[in-house]
Amino acid sequence: MKKFWSKTMALWMSLSVAILFVMPSWGQQKPQSPPARKQATSPGQRMSLSYVTLPTGSSNYTIAVGHAQLVAKKTDIELIVQPASGSVAIPGLVGSKEAMLGMGVAQTLFDAYKGVGEYQGKRHPFIRVLQSGHDMPFGILTHTGTGIKSISDLKGKRVSCNILTSNVGRHVGILELKAYGLDVKDVIALKSENNDTGVRDLIEGRTDATVCSLSGAKMEELATKLKPVLLPFDPSRIGVIQQGLPAVFATVSKKTGSIPAGIPIVGTPSILFAHQDLDEGTVYRLVKTLVESYEELRPIHRDFNDWTPKNAVKKLPIPYHPGAIKYYKEAGLWPAEMDQVQIELLK
């Protein structure tokens, strides 16, 4: 037994000495950090930019994916499309630079830029427009069974005009009533959680009319169960709307389900925008690519029909990015009056 323990002790001492000789080299080694991800790239590499928009299934998400595919094909820029929880969250994600590009509707972006509405007291002055696209249309829907044919006929009727999750929709309804000399107190004002629930309530007879954006699966369902009526809005009254919603404009309906095209309504354009810190050269290449190749985008979604060079520049209450302005001036798409508009917005 003594021999066993003496041999064991000798072996242990040999190992200890060996470890002492090896340990200095361990102490000299440092853990390796993962390589930093590059956004700016050297020749032959690609630049990655996050692009935030509405959730999957929305037309805006489809448009963002179309933008990403085209830009990847034509440039060395990779746009990584990320869905947001809703339109209100998009400006903040760009403000924090979790994304450098975003798509939202003009009125929501104006509210964020000025710090009003849902963004009360919290301005987002970094927002810069790259391109204006298709309109998000809003109107007041009813059906033939109610006998309502005009906005004036809504007096004393049940109207779903308090849209809880849509600041734009909620105010459109109130202001359209005002434009026709009506107050919310002149109707039986009902609450609606969102666009789809308002249309569902119309289908199920819980309301006589609903304010909504003219899109979504419920619109198709409405056409199968009732004969919908879209109440026309006189474009000469748009000034009343713009007193409260300066980024809402007069427009006309498009064919949706059984709703015909050409009915005068209101809408706010969808906007591709960027953080003001996104460099001018990158913005110039993005805008040039999207505007000059828009014909390649049209087969992807019908809303791309409105992302034309003619629609790219609008007199919005939000400033354009200098890189976008540079391209539009070179392409002859920047009206002279827009320079003064920019100066006033940036004061």
Foldseek 3Di string as FASTA:
>chain_A
DVVVVVVVVVVVVVVVVVCVVVVVVVVVDDDDDDDDDDQDDDPPAAHEFEEEEADPPDVGLLVQVLLQVLCVVPHRYGYHYDHDPDQLCFLVCQLVRVGFKYKHFQLSLLCQQVQHDVRPPHHSVQKAFQFWFFWQFKFKKAFVVLVDAALVVQFAFEEAQAAPPDRLSNLQSQLLLVLVVHHPVRHNYDHAPAQLRQLVCRLVVVGRMYMHGCDDPSNQVSLVRGGMHTHAGDQVSCVSSCVPRVQKHWDWDPDDRNDHTDGIGITTIMTMIGGLPPDLVVSLSSSCSCAVPLVVSCVSDVRSVGRYLQRTDDLGLHHHHPSSVVNCVVVVSDDPVVVVSNVVSVD
